[in-house]
Protein backbone atom coordinates (compact mmCIF):
# COMPACT_ATOMS: atom_id res chain seq x y z
CA MET A 1 1.97 -38.03 -3.93
CA VAL A 2 1.05 -34.89 -5.87
CA ARG A 3 3.84 -32.34 -6.04
CA ARG A 4 3.05 -28.65 -6.20
CA ASN A 5 5.07 -26.47 -8.50
CA PRO A 6 6.98 -23.47 -7.06
CA SER A 7 4.30 -20.96 -8.09
CA GLN A 8 1.66 -23.01 -6.23
CA ARG A 9 3.87 -23.15 -3.16
CA LEU A 10 4.41 -19.42 -3.41
CA ARG A 11 0.68 -18.76 -3.56
CA GLY A 12 0.23 -21.01 -0.53
CA ASP A 13 2.93 -19.11 1.37
CA GLN A 14 1.28 -15.81 0.44
CA ARG A 15 -2.05 -17.05 1.75
CA LEU A 16 -0.41 -18.02 5.03
CA ARG A 17 1.21 -14.61 5.35
CA GLY A 18 -2.08 -12.93 4.47
CA ASP A 19 -3.88 -14.91 7.18
CA ARG A 20 -1.14 -13.98 9.66
CA LEU A 21 -1.58 -10.30 8.77
CA LEU A 22 -5.32 -10.73 9.27
CA ARG A 23 -4.76 -12.05 12.79
CA GLU A 24 -2.44 -9.15 13.58
CA THR A 25 -4.99 -6.65 12.29
CA VAL A 26 -7.58 -7.93 14.77
CA TRP A 27 -5.47 -6.42 17.57
CA TYR A 28 -4.94 -3.09 15.82
CA GLY A 29 -8.29 -1.93 17.20
CA GLY A 30 -6.77 -1.79 20.69
CA ALA A 31 -9.19 -1.23 23.57
CA TRP A 32 -12.07 -0.82 21.14
CA SER A 33 -11.72 -4.49 20.19
CA VAL A 34 -12.09 -5.48 23.84
CA ALA A 35 -15.03 -3.11 24.30
CA LEU A 36 -16.72 -4.46 21.18
CA ALA A 37 -16.29 -8.05 22.35
CA ALA A 38 -17.64 -7.23 25.82
CA VAL A 39 -20.69 -5.35 24.57
CA ALA A 40 -21.47 -7.94 21.90
CA LEU A 41 -21.19 -10.78 24.44
CA ILE A 42 -23.54 -9.00 26.80
CA GLY A 43 -26.03 -8.55 23.97
CA ALA A 44 -25.74 -12.23 22.96
CA ALA A 45 -26.21 -13.35 26.57
CA ALA A 46 -29.30 -11.15 26.91
CA MET A 47 -30.64 -12.59 23.65
CA LEU A 48 -30.20 -16.16 24.94
CA VAL A 49 -31.78 -15.44 28.31
CA PHE A 50 -34.73 -13.52 26.85
CA PRO A 51 -36.76 -16.55 25.57
CA VAL A 52 -36.58 -18.24 28.97
CA VAL A 53 -37.66 -15.07 30.78
CA LEU A 54 -40.41 -14.45 28.23
CA GLY A 55 -41.68 -18.03 28.66
CA ARG A 56 -41.71 -17.62 32.45
CA ALA A 57 -43.61 -14.36 32.03
CA VAL A 58 -46.23 -16.14 29.87
CA ASP A 59 -46.64 -18.95 32.40
CA ALA A 60 -46.90 -16.39 35.22
CA ALA A 61 -49.58 -14.46 33.34
CA LEU A 62 -51.59 -17.64 32.70
CA THR A 63 -51.34 -18.92 36.27
CA GLY A 64 -51.56 -15.58 38.10
CA GLY A 65 -47.95 -15.69 39.24
CA THR A 66 -45.51 -12.84 40.01
CA ALA A 67 -45.07 -9.87 37.67
CA TRP A 68 -41.29 -9.82 38.14
CA TRP A 69 -40.80 -12.01 35.09
CA THR A 70 -42.57 -9.42 32.93
CA ILE A 71 -40.37 -6.67 34.38
CA ALA A 72 -37.27 -8.77 33.72
CA ALA A 73 -38.34 -9.31 30.10
CA CYS A 74 -38.75 -5.55 29.62
CA ALA A 75 -35.33 -4.95 31.19
CA LEU A 76 -33.76 -7.43 28.77
CA VAL A 77 -35.34 -5.60 25.84
CA GLY A 78 -33.73 -2.39 27.11
CA ILE A 79 -30.36 -4.14 27.43
CA LEU A 80 -30.64 -5.42 23.86
CA VAL A 81 -31.36 -1.90 22.55
CA VAL A 82 -28.43 -0.37 24.46
CA THR A 83 -25.94 -3.11 23.50
CA ASP A 84 -26.97 -2.85 19.86
CA ALA A 85 -26.20 0.89 19.83
CA ALA A 86 -22.96 0.38 21.77
CA THR A 87 -21.92 -2.39 19.36
CA ASN A 88 -22.33 -0.05 16.39
CA LEU A 89 -20.26 2.64 18.14
CA ALA A 90 -17.46 0.27 19.19
CA SER A 91 -17.31 -1.45 15.80
CA GLY A 92 -16.97 1.90 14.01
CA HIS A 93 -14.09 3.02 16.23
CA GLN A 94 -12.42 -0.39 16.11
CA THR A 95 -12.57 -0.55 12.31
CA ALA A 96 -11.33 3.03 11.90
CA ARG A 97 -8.35 2.46 14.20
CA ALA A 98 -7.41 -0.88 12.64
CA THR A 99 -7.70 0.53 9.11
CA ALA A 100 -5.57 3.57 9.98
CA THR A 101 -2.88 1.35 11.54
CA LEU A 102 -2.86 -0.98 8.56
CA ARG A 103 -2.60 1.92 6.10
CA TYR A 104 0.24 3.47 8.07
CA ARG A 105 2.10 0.15 8.12
CA LEU A 106 1.64 -0.33 4.37
CA LEU A 107 2.61 3.25 3.52
CA ARG A 108 5.68 3.14 5.74
CA HIS A 109 6.78 -0.12 4.14
CA LEU A 110 6.33 1.30 0.66
CA PHE A 111 8.85 4.02 1.47
CA THR A 112 11.38 1.39 2.56
CA LEU A 113 11.28 -0.32 -0.85
CA SER A 114 13.83 0.45 -3.50
CA PRO A 115 12.41 2.36 -6.50
CA ARG A 116 12.87 -0.76 -8.63
CA ASP A 117 10.85 -2.96 -6.25
CA ALA A 118 8.14 -0.36 -5.75
CA GLY A 119 7.98 0.20 -9.50
CA ARG A 120 6.72 -3.34 -10.03
CA TYR A 121 3.35 -2.16 -8.73
CA PRO A 122 1.43 0.45 -10.75
CA VAL A 123 0.65 3.57 -8.73
CA GLY A 124 -3.08 3.11 -9.22
CA ASP A 125 -2.87 -0.46 -7.95
CA LEU A 126 -1.01 0.67 -4.82
CA VAL A 127 -3.60 3.39 -4.22
CA GLY A 128 -6.30 0.74 -4.53
CA ARG A 129 -4.59 -1.46 -1.96
CA LEU A 130 -4.01 1.48 0.38
CA ALA A 131 -7.51 2.93 0.11
CA GLY A 132 -9.73 -0.03 -0.72
CA GLN A 133 -8.15 -3.28 0.41
CA ALA A 134 -6.81 -1.77 3.66
CA ALA A 135 -10.37 -0.66 4.49
CA ASP A 136 -11.63 -4.18 3.75
CA ALA A 137 -8.95 -5.84 5.86
CA GLY A 138 -9.43 -3.27 8.64
CA GLN A 139 -12.94 -4.63 9.26
CA ILE A 140 -11.59 -8.02 10.32
CA GLY A 141 -11.73 -7.22 14.05
CA THR A 142 -15.37 -6.24 13.86
CA ALA A 143 -16.22 -9.09 11.51
CA ALA A 144 -14.41 -11.68 13.64
CA VAL A 145 -15.95 -10.53 16.93
CA LEU A 146 -19.45 -10.17 15.56
CA GLY A 147 -19.09 -13.42 13.61
CA LEU A 148 -18.15 -15.37 16.73
CA VAL A 149 -20.83 -13.66 18.78
CA ALA A 150 -23.36 -14.34 16.02
CA LEU A 151 -22.70 -18.05 16.49
CA LEU A 152 -23.59 -17.94 20.19
CA PRO A 153 -27.38 -17.54 19.82
CA PRO A 154 -27.73 -20.50 17.40
CA VAL A 155 -25.41 -22.69 19.49
CA GLY A 156 -27.05 -21.53 22.71
CA SER A 157 -30.50 -22.19 21.27
CA ILE A 158 -29.51 -25.80 20.51
CA VAL A 159 -28.32 -26.28 24.11
CA ALA A 160 -31.47 -24.65 25.47
CA LEU A 161 -33.74 -26.80 23.31
CA LEU A 162 -31.88 -29.94 24.37
CA LEU A 163 -32.52 -28.95 28.00
CA LEU A 164 -36.16 -28.15 27.33
CA GLU A 165 -36.82 -31.28 25.29
CA PRO A 166 -34.10 -33.44 23.66
CA VAL A 167 -36.21 -34.12 20.58
CA LEU A 168 -36.39 -30.38 19.89
CA GLY A 169 -32.60 -30.10 20.24
CA LEU A 170 -31.97 -32.98 17.84
CA THR A 171 -34.32 -31.45 15.28
CA MET A 172 -32.41 -28.16 15.51
CA ILE A 173 -29.02 -29.89 15.19
CA ALA A 174 -30.01 -31.61 11.94
CA GLY A 175 -31.17 -28.38 10.28
CA THR A 176 -28.22 -26.35 11.58
CA ALA A 177 -25.70 -28.87 10.17
CA LEU A 178 -27.25 -28.46 6.73
CA LEU A 179 -27.03 -24.66 6.97
CA ALA A 180 -23.38 -24.84 8.06
CA LEU A 181 -22.53 -27.02 5.05
CA LEU A 182 -24.13 -24.52 2.68
CA MET A 183 -22.14 -21.63 4.21
CA ARG A 184 -18.85 -23.50 4.00
CA THR A 185 -19.34 -24.00 0.27
CA PHE A 186 -20.09 -20.29 -0.13
CA VAL A 187 -16.90 -19.22 1.68
CA ALA A 188 -14.68 -21.45 -0.45
CA ASP A 189 -16.14 -20.19 -3.74
CA ALA A 190 -16.47 -16.54 -2.78
CA SER A 191 -12.87 -16.20 -1.54
CA GLN A 192 -11.40 -16.89 -4.97
CA VAL A 193 -13.91 -14.69 -6.80
CA THR A 194 -13.34 -11.74 -4.44
CA ALA A 195 -9.56 -11.99 -4.81
CA GLU A 196 -9.85 -11.93 -8.61
CA TYR A 197 -12.25 -9.00 -8.47
CA GLN A 198 -9.81 -6.95 -6.39
CA ARG A 199 -6.92 -7.88 -8.70
CA VAL A 200 -8.76 -6.61 -11.79
CA GLN A 201 -9.77 -3.45 -9.91
CA GLY A 202 -6.09 -2.76 -9.25
CA ASP A 203 -5.28 -3.36 -12.93
CA ILE A 204 -7.86 -0.79 -14.05
CA ALA A 205 -6.66 1.72 -11.45
CA GLY A 206 -3.06 1.29 -12.62
CA ARG A 207 -4.03 1.88 -16.25
CA LEU A 208 -6.02 4.97 -15.29
CA VAL A 209 -3.11 6.54 -13.41
CA GLU A 210 -0.80 5.84 -16.36
CA ALA A 211 -3.28 7.55 -18.70
CA LEU A 212 -3.65 10.58 -16.44
CA THR A 213 0.13 10.90 -16.18
CA GLY A 214 0.37 10.99 -19.97
CA ALA A 215 -2.72 13.17 -20.49
CA ARG A 216 -0.84 15.77 -22.55
CA THR A 217 0.60 13.14 -24.85
CA ILE A 218 -2.83 11.56 -25.31
CA ALA A 219 -4.37 14.95 -26.10
CA ALA A 220 -1.60 15.81 -28.56
CA ALA A 221 -2.01 12.50 -30.36
CA ALA A 222 -5.83 12.76 -30.28
CA THR A 223 -6.02 9.17 -29.02
CA ALA A 224 -8.41 9.71 -26.09
CA PRO A 225 -11.04 7.21 -27.34
CA ARG A 226 -8.36 4.58 -27.85
CA GLU A 227 -6.99 5.25 -24.36
CA VAL A 228 -10.45 4.98 -22.80
CA THR A 229 -10.79 1.59 -24.48
CA ARG A 230 -7.39 0.50 -23.15
CA VAL A 231 -8.13 1.59 -19.59
CA LEU A 232 -11.52 -0.11 -19.56
CA ALA A 233 -10.42 -3.25 -21.42
CA PRO A 234 -10.46 -5.37 -18.20
CA LEU A 235 -14.00 -4.15 -17.39
CA PRO A 236 -15.78 -7.24 -18.84
CA GLU A 237 -13.56 -9.47 -16.68
CA LEU A 238 -14.34 -7.29 -13.65
CA ALA A 239 -18.04 -7.48 -14.43
CA GLY A 240 -17.80 -11.26 -14.73
CA HIS A 241 -16.19 -11.58 -11.31
CA GLY A 242 -18.73 -9.16 -9.85
CA ARG A 243 -21.69 -11.09 -11.27
CA ARG A 244 -20.16 -14.34 -10.05
CA SER A 245 -19.78 -12.85 -6.57
CA TRP A 246 -23.40 -11.71 -6.47
CA ASP A 247 -24.57 -15.03 -7.91
CA LEU A 248 -22.76 -16.90 -5.15
CA LEU A 249 -24.19 -14.63 -2.46
CA ALA A 250 -27.69 -14.81 -3.93
CA GLY A 251 -27.52 -18.59 -4.26
CA ALA A 252 -26.30 -19.04 -0.70
CA ALA A 253 -28.94 -16.64 0.59
CA ALA A 254 -31.66 -18.43 -1.36
CA ARG A 255 -30.65 -21.85 -0.08
CA THR A 256 -30.39 -20.53 3.45
CA ALA A 257 -33.75 -18.79 3.15
CA ALA A 258 -35.31 -22.07 2.02
CA VAL A 259 -33.82 -24.19 4.79
CA ALA A 260 -34.21 -21.77 7.71
CA PRO A 261 -38.05 -21.54 7.63
CA LEU A 262 -38.31 -25.32 7.29
CA LEU A 263 -36.07 -25.68 10.32
CA HIS A 264 -38.18 -23.20 12.25
CA LEU A 265 -41.43 -24.95 11.28
CA SER A 266 -39.97 -28.34 12.20
CA VAL A 267 -39.15 -27.18 15.70
CA VAL A 268 -42.57 -25.54 16.06
CA ALA A 269 -44.31 -28.73 14.90
CA VAL A 270 -42.33 -30.92 17.28
CA GLY A 271 -42.93 -28.41 20.06
CA GLY A 272 -46.68 -28.40 19.40
CA TYR A 273 -46.73 -32.18 19.69
CA ALA A 274 -44.70 -31.96 22.91
CA LEU A 275 -47.25 -29.48 24.31
CA THR A 276 -50.19 -31.79 23.54
CA ALA A 277 -48.29 -34.70 25.02
CA GLY A 278 -47.72 -32.74 28.21
CA TRP A 279 -43.94 -32.58 27.83
CA LEU A 280 -43.93 -28.73 27.67
CA THR A 281 -45.85 -25.94 29.33
CA PRO A 282 -47.26 -23.08 27.21
CA GLY A 283 -44.47 -20.83 28.41
CA GLN A 284 -41.85 -23.42 27.51
CA LEU A 285 -43.40 -23.70 24.05
CA VAL A 286 -43.07 -19.92 23.64
CA ALA A 287 -39.42 -20.18 24.69
CA ALA A 288 -38.87 -23.10 22.29
CA VAL A 289 -40.34 -21.07 19.41
CA GLN A 290 -38.04 -18.16 20.27
CA TYR A 291 -35.01 -20.44 20.41
CA ALA A 292 -36.03 -21.98 17.09
CA ALA A 293 -36.03 -18.49 15.57
CA LEU A 294 -32.56 -17.87 16.98
CA GLY A 295 -31.26 -21.16 15.66
CA ALA A 296 -32.77 -20.68 12.22
CA GLY A 297 -31.22 -17.21 12.24
CA LEU A 298 -27.86 -18.84 11.53
CA GLY A 299 -28.52 -17.66 7.99
CA ALA A 300 -27.86 -14.12 9.23
CA VAL A 301 -24.26 -15.22 9.69
CA LEU A 302 -24.04 -15.29 5.87
CA ALA A 303 -23.53 -11.50 5.72
CA THR A 304 -20.71 -11.77 8.25
CA LEU A 305 -19.10 -14.56 6.25
CA ASN A 306 -19.25 -12.40 3.12
CA ARG A 307 -17.52 -9.62 5.02
CA LEU A 308 -14.87 -12.02 6.28
CA VAL A 309 -14.20 -13.13 2.71
CA ARG A 310 -13.58 -9.53 1.65
CA CYS A 311 -11.37 -8.96 4.70
CA ARG A 312 -9.27 -12.01 3.87
CA ALA A 313 -8.89 -11.11 0.20
CA GLY A 314 -7.89 -7.54 1.10
CA ALA A 315 -5.34 -8.73 3.66
CA HIS A 316 -3.76 -11.09 1.14
CA ARG A 317 -3.25 -8.25 -1.37
CA ILE A 318 -1.70 -6.04 1.30
CA ALA A 319 0.53 -8.87 2.55
CA MET A 320 1.80 -9.31 -1.01
CA VAL A 321 3.32 -5.80 -0.84
CA LEU A 322 4.48 -6.14 2.76
CA ASP A 323 6.37 -9.29 1.74
CA GLU A 324 8.57 -7.25 -0.59
CA PRO A 325 11.92 -6.94 1.19
CA GLY A 326 12.70 -3.36 2.13
CA VAL A 327 16.12 -1.81 1.74
CA ARG A 328 18.26 -2.73 4.73
CA HIS A 329 20.62 -0.09 6.06
CA GLY A 330 23.58 -0.32 8.34
CA SER A 331 24.48 2.01 11.17
CA ALA A 332 27.97 3.11 10.13
CA PRO A 333 28.83 6.80 9.77
CA LEU A 334 31.06 8.14 7.02
CA PRO A 335 34.70 8.77 7.86
CA PRO A 336 36.30 12.06 6.84
CA GLY A 337 36.63 12.26 3.09
CA GLY A 338 35.83 14.15 -0.06
CA GLY A 339 33.38 11.78 -1.72
CA ALA A 340 35.60 9.21 -3.42
CA LEU A 341 33.29 6.78 -5.24
CA ARG A 342 34.24 3.21 -6.16
CA LEU A 343 32.20 0.62 -8.05
CA HIS A 344 33.73 -2.83 -7.89
CA GLY A 345 32.38 -5.65 -10.08
CA VAL A 346 28.91 -4.11 -10.20
CA THR A 347 26.31 -6.16 -12.08
CA VAL A 348 22.62 -5.29 -12.38
CA GLN A 349 20.04 -7.47 -14.07
CA ALA A 350 16.64 -6.54 -15.46
CA SER A 351 13.51 -8.39 -14.30
CA ASP A 352 13.88 -10.80 -17.25
CA GLY A 353 17.49 -11.64 -16.29
CA ARG A 354 19.04 -9.49 -19.02
CA PRO A 355 22.20 -7.70 -17.77
CA VAL A 356 21.81 -3.91 -17.62
CA LEU A 357 25.26 -3.41 -16.10
CA HIS A 358 27.89 -6.13 -16.30
CA ASP A 359 30.98 -6.30 -14.09
CA VAL A 360 31.56 -2.54 -13.96
CA ASP A 361 34.68 -1.28 -12.19
CA LEU A 362 34.76 2.49 -11.80
CA ALA A 363 36.86 4.71 -9.53
CA VAL A 364 35.88 8.37 -9.21
CA PRO A 365 38.46 10.49 -7.33
CA ALA A 366 37.22 12.69 -4.51
CA GLY A 367 36.14 16.09 -5.76
CA ALA A 368 36.23 15.09 -9.43
CA THR A 369 33.52 15.55 -12.04
CA VAL A 370 32.80 12.44 -14.10
CA ALA A 371 30.43 12.58 -17.06
CA VAL A 372 28.59 9.32 -17.81
CA VAL A 373 27.81 8.94 -21.51
CA GLY A 374 26.57 6.19 -23.80
CA GLU A 375 23.86 5.21 -26.23
CA SER A 376 20.28 4.78 -25.04
CA GLY A 377 20.00 1.55 -23.07
CA SER A 378 23.68 1.40 -22.21
CA GLY A 379 22.95 1.56 -18.44
CA LYS A 380 23.68 5.21 -17.62
CA SER A 381 20.69 5.79 -15.36
CA THR A 382 21.18 2.41 -13.69
CA LEU A 383 24.79 3.34 -12.94
CA ALA A 384 23.57 6.60 -11.42
CA ALA A 385 21.00 4.70 -9.34
CA VAL A 386 23.47 2.24 -7.84
CA ALA A 387 26.04 5.00 -7.21
CA GLY A 388 23.80 6.58 -4.55
CA ARG A 389 21.95 3.41 -3.52
CA LEU A 390 18.62 4.12 -5.11
CA GLN A 391 19.13 0.56 -6.30
CA ASP A 392 21.34 -2.23 -5.00
CA PRO A 393 23.45 -4.17 -7.51
CA ASP A 394 22.76 -7.85 -7.97
CA ALA A 395 26.50 -8.45 -7.65
CA GLY A 396 29.47 -6.33 -6.70
CA GLU A 397 29.90 -3.48 -4.24
CA VAL A 398 29.62 0.32 -4.22
CA LEU A 399 31.80 2.27 -1.76
CA LEU A 400 31.81 5.93 -0.77
CA ASP A 401 35.02 7.09 0.89
CA GLY A 402 35.90 3.43 1.44
CA VAL A 403 32.62 2.46 3.16
CA PRO A 404 30.15 0.13 1.40
CA LEU A 405 26.86 1.95 0.89
CA ARG A 406 24.98 -1.00 2.44
CA ARG A 407 26.71 -0.33 5.77
CA LEU A 408 25.80 3.35 5.97
CA SER A 409 22.93 4.61 8.10
CA PRO A 410 20.08 6.26 6.17
CA SER A 411 20.87 9.70 7.61
CA ALA A 412 24.57 9.43 6.73
CA LEU A 413 23.78 8.25 3.20
CA ARG A 414 21.23 10.94 2.40
CA ARG A 415 23.34 13.74 3.88
CA ALA A 416 26.24 12.64 1.74
CA VAL A 417 24.45 11.97 -1.58
CA GLY A 418 22.14 14.23 -3.57
CA TYR A 419 20.18 13.37 -6.72
CA ALA A 420 18.77 15.56 -9.49
CA PHE A 421 16.68 13.97 -12.23
CA GLU A 422 15.51 14.74 -15.74
CA ARG A 423 11.86 14.72 -14.61
CA PRO A 424 11.97 15.42 -10.86
CA VAL A 425 9.01 14.82 -8.57
CA LEU A 426 8.76 17.85 -6.29
CA VAL A 427 7.74 17.22 -2.68
CA GLY A 428 6.73 19.87 -0.15
CA GLU A 429 4.03 22.35 0.78
CA THR A 430 5.92 25.43 -0.42
CA LEU A 431 8.82 26.12 -2.78
CA HIS A 432 11.01 26.64 0.26
CA ASP A 433 10.09 23.13 1.45
CA VAL A 434 10.85 21.73 -2.01
CA ILE A 435 14.38 23.14 -2.08
CA GLY A 436 15.10 22.39 1.59
CA LEU A 437 13.79 18.82 1.52
CA GLY A 438 17.18 17.24 2.15
CA LEU A 439 18.37 19.77 4.72
CA PRO A 440 18.32 19.36 8.52
CA ASP A 441 15.16 20.75 10.12
CA ASP A 442 16.86 23.87 11.47
CA GLN A 443 18.06 24.79 7.96
CA ALA A 444 14.92 23.76 6.06
CA THR A 445 12.55 25.98 8.07
CA VAL A 446 11.53 29.39 6.73
CA PRO A 447 13.10 32.08 8.97
CA VAL A 448 10.82 34.27 11.09
CA ASP A 449 13.18 37.27 11.15
CA GLY A 450 11.92 38.72 7.87
CA ARG A 451 14.37 36.97 5.55
CA PRO A 452 12.75 35.34 2.52
CA ALA A 453 14.44 31.97 3.05
CA SER A 454 17.12 30.21 5.04
CA PRO A 455 20.70 30.80 3.80
CA PRO A 456 21.22 27.23 2.51
CA VAL A 457 17.98 27.42 0.50
CA LEU A 458 18.92 30.83 -0.94
CA ARG A 459 22.38 29.57 -1.89
CA ALA A 460 20.99 26.41 -3.55
CA ALA A 461 18.41 28.44 -5.48
CA ARG A 462 21.11 30.77 -6.80
CA ASP A 463 23.39 27.91 -7.80
CA ALA A 464 20.51 26.22 -9.63
CA ALA A 465 19.58 29.51 -11.37
CA VAL A 466 16.01 29.30 -10.02
CA ASP A 467 16.21 32.22 -7.58
CA GLY A 468 14.96 34.77 -10.12
CA TYR A 469 11.88 32.69 -10.91
CA VAL A 470 10.99 32.19 -7.23
CA GLU A 471 11.51 35.83 -6.28
CA ARG A 472 9.17 37.01 -9.05
CA LEU A 473 6.28 35.10 -7.49
CA PRO A 474 4.02 37.16 -5.18
CA GLU A 475 4.77 35.01 -2.13
CA GLY A 476 8.35 34.15 -3.12
CA TYR A 477 9.73 31.10 -1.35
CA ARG A 478 6.51 30.81 0.66
CA THR A 479 4.50 30.15 -2.53
CA PRO A 480 2.52 26.90 -2.23
CA LEU A 481 3.86 24.33 -4.67
CA ALA A 482 0.33 23.71 -6.01
CA ASP A 483 0.02 27.42 -6.95
CA ALA A 484 3.41 27.76 -8.66
CA PRO A 485 3.26 27.76 -12.48
CA LEU A 486 6.18 25.53 -13.47
CA SER A 487 7.69 24.83 -16.85
CA GLY A 488 9.79 21.72 -17.39
CA GLY A 489 13.00 23.71 -17.02
CA GLU A 490 11.85 25.41 -13.81
CA ALA A 491 10.89 22.05 -12.32
CA GLN A 492 14.33 20.71 -13.24
CA ARG A 493 16.05 23.65 -11.60
CA LEU A 494 14.02 23.23 -8.40
CA GLY A 495 14.96 19.56 -8.35
CA LEU A 496 18.60 20.49 -8.89
CA ALA A 497 18.48 23.05 -6.07
CA ARG A 498 17.09 20.38 -3.78
CA ALA A 499 20.04 18.07 -4.64
CA LEU A 500 22.70 20.69 -3.99
CA SER A 501 22.47 20.13 -0.23
CA ALA A 502 24.52 16.93 -0.66
CA GLU A 503 27.78 17.05 1.25
CA ARG A 504 29.98 14.60 -0.68
CA LEU A 505 28.44 13.22 -3.88
CA LEU A 506 26.14 14.98 -6.33
CA ILE A 507 24.50 12.77 -8.99
CA LEU A 508 22.85 14.53 -11.93
CA ASP A 509 20.85 12.14 -14.10
CA ASP A 510 20.33 14.23 -17.26
CA ALA A 511 19.15 16.95 -14.89
CA THR A 512 19.66 19.89 -17.31
CA SER A 513 18.09 18.40 -20.44
CA SER A 514 15.15 20.86 -20.39
CA LEU A 515 17.35 23.94 -19.98
CA ASP A 516 18.65 26.28 -22.64
CA THR A 517 22.36 26.19 -23.36
CA ALA A 518 23.17 29.41 -21.46
CA THR A 519 21.34 28.34 -18.30
CA ALA A 520 22.80 24.85 -18.47
CA HIS A 521 26.29 26.37 -18.78
CA ARG A 522 25.66 28.65 -15.81
CA ILE A 523 24.46 25.75 -13.68
CA GLY A 524 27.35 23.59 -14.81
CA GLN A 525 29.80 26.24 -13.69
CA ALA A 526 28.02 26.58 -10.35
CA VAL A 527 28.15 22.85 -9.80
CA VAL A 528 31.85 22.69 -10.64
CA GLU A 529 33.13 25.95 -9.15
CA ARG A 530 31.03 25.96 -5.98
CA SER A 531 31.09 22.25 -5.38
CA GLY A 532 32.54 22.55 -1.89
CA GLY A 533 34.78 19.58 -2.56
CA ARG A 534 31.91 17.34 -3.64
CA THR A 535 32.29 14.63 -6.23
CA ARG A 536 29.99 14.98 -9.26
CA LEU A 537 28.59 12.14 -11.36
CA VAL A 538 26.78 13.65 -14.35
CA VAL A 539 24.71 11.57 -16.78
CA THR A 540 24.58 13.62 -19.96
CA HIS A 541 23.99 13.66 -23.71
CA ARG A 542 25.80 17.00 -24.21
CA ALA A 543 29.32 17.09 -25.60
CA ALA A 544 29.93 20.41 -23.84
CA THR A 545 29.13 18.88 -20.45
CA ALA A 546 31.42 15.93 -21.16
CA ALA A 547 34.18 18.31 -22.25
CA SER A 548 33.98 20.27 -18.98
CA ALA A 549 34.23 17.13 -16.83
CA ASP A 550 37.49 15.81 -15.45
CA LEU A 551 36.78 12.31 -16.76
CA VAL A 552 34.23 10.63 -18.99
CA ALA A 553 32.83 7.17 -18.19
CA TRP A 554 31.80 5.74 -21.55
CA LEU A 555 29.25 2.92 -21.24
CA HIS A 556 28.42 0.52 -24.02
CA ALA A 557 25.90 -2.36 -23.69
CA GLY A 558 26.17 -2.30 -19.92
CA ARG A 559 29.96 -2.37 -19.80
CA LEU A 560 32.48 0.36 -19.07
CA ARG A 561 34.14 0.83 -22.45
CA ALA A 562 36.51 3.58 -21.35
CA LEU A 563 37.32 6.03 -18.55
CA ALA A 564 39.34 8.96 -19.84
CA PRO A 565 39.22 12.72 -20.48
CA HIS A 566 36.85 13.90 -23.21
CA ARG A 567 39.64 15.22 -25.43
CA ARG A 568 41.30 11.82 -25.52
CA LEU A 569 38.08 9.97 -26.34
CA TRP A 570 37.11 12.45 -29.06
CA SER A 571 39.53 10.83 -31.48
CA ASP A 572 37.33 7.71 -31.48
CA PRO A 573 34.67 7.95 -34.25
CA ALA A 574 32.24 5.82 -32.22
CA TYR A 575 32.51 8.26 -29.33
CA ARG A 576 31.96 11.28 -31.55
CA ALA A 577 28.93 9.59 -33.14
CA MET A 578 27.06 9.74 -29.84
CA PHE A 579 27.06 13.56 -29.95
CA LEU A 580 27.22 14.51 -33.63
CA PRO A 581 23.60 13.65 -34.49
CA VAL A 582 22.42 15.76 -31.61
CA GLU A 583 24.80 18.69 -31.55
CA GLY A 584 26.25 18.68 -35.02
CA GLY A 585 29.84 18.44 -33.90
CA ARG A 586 32.15 19.16 -31.02
């Protein structure tokens, strides 16, 4: 027995989950899926009945019979025209609804992932999955319905020919089996090629977004040609997969195009013999020729199969992201408290298994300010991330006022904890929205009584020393974010103002690094003096910030080397060395 390795089993599991997602997506079209199936079935039934009616009309015309058969044939032509138009309308609505639902599901799941899990996918690759592969997978309902309906005329033609003359039916069966074999080979080969093509597309998109994010650095280094080469490096591989895909489609189409006419001619030849032998009437021969055309038209199913291949490949890439486990929250509220933070045995590992934090025990008293210091790579930002549950530790527990963060409801956690970062991403339509992002709706809305902003937003802007900048803008707090000229320091202050809505724990991850000393001192005083009883965890490289804190958590190689006041640690030469190269002394 051949044993599959774990990676092969994983790929098999992913394919199963992708196929399950594909089946679920079929139903996302709702009533439009049912309407599409009904209209398409009516059209297929009319197409199958038409040759018989046309044959009867021919016999009636030759023998002087009733004209009702001719009228019926014309009515069927009208039905075919109407159902074709209705099929296009229903398929468009069904695809649009299924695609929108799939995109919403993917986007919602992305926001449930931890930053570390989401960060494994380049932004450009995620955009490609959301925009491109979701659109491909969203067509599965239309492709499945039309694919099944497309099989009815060929299958029905075989049954009809068997009823007209068994020899005709057997001739059609032989040719149709050969066509089906050719299409099965195409599906197997094209599925793998399409999946690889989409993967390389995502790789190029990810590299492009990275380059655009660092556009200023690239311009300053004058390395644009080199960056273009890096972004487009996978292009030959993409072209290879694309050519292979077209080669497969062209080869399948060519083989089908060669077999289908031969099949048609075979049925016509056998039918002509049957007419001369008296087995068929002229009208039945006309019907047989029409059914032969329908049966040979099985090659038209090739386009539907190609679409199904793209749908399946797109669904597998989306399922890969949906399989990422989202952050699970509890439902517990926070008890009364002042923001006491406790890390017990916290260990965090990098993707390669290297420990970033190792067995960290840290107790931060309620209302205290703790500065987190250490050399680059010592785990400061990771400690800040686990302290507010932007990342879960691989081992150990983090508690806020005695409650494990995993047990808290999302609303309780985000009301209690606020983050400010070195390079904040600002979210909101206006500057007022940016600052009030973490506030309840009634406090985050711009007042209509003539005041420039809600009181909590005004207070946060003052404490973050960004009120003067906002008030100098023509539209003040109502200024659209896209129209606000922001320096690095102003962006940091807006991010800090947004974080100040936290009720119990404020985490500043090097959030004042772009500010001048005077502004940083003013903000530091505001954070400490107007903390409202909040606990502060401040990741910093400044000796002055560490000196103003109640305690300093000194990290070294992922371990907590010491927890003590700054003045006590200053006697250690290794501690002083972290600041002296930067600030030239205490």
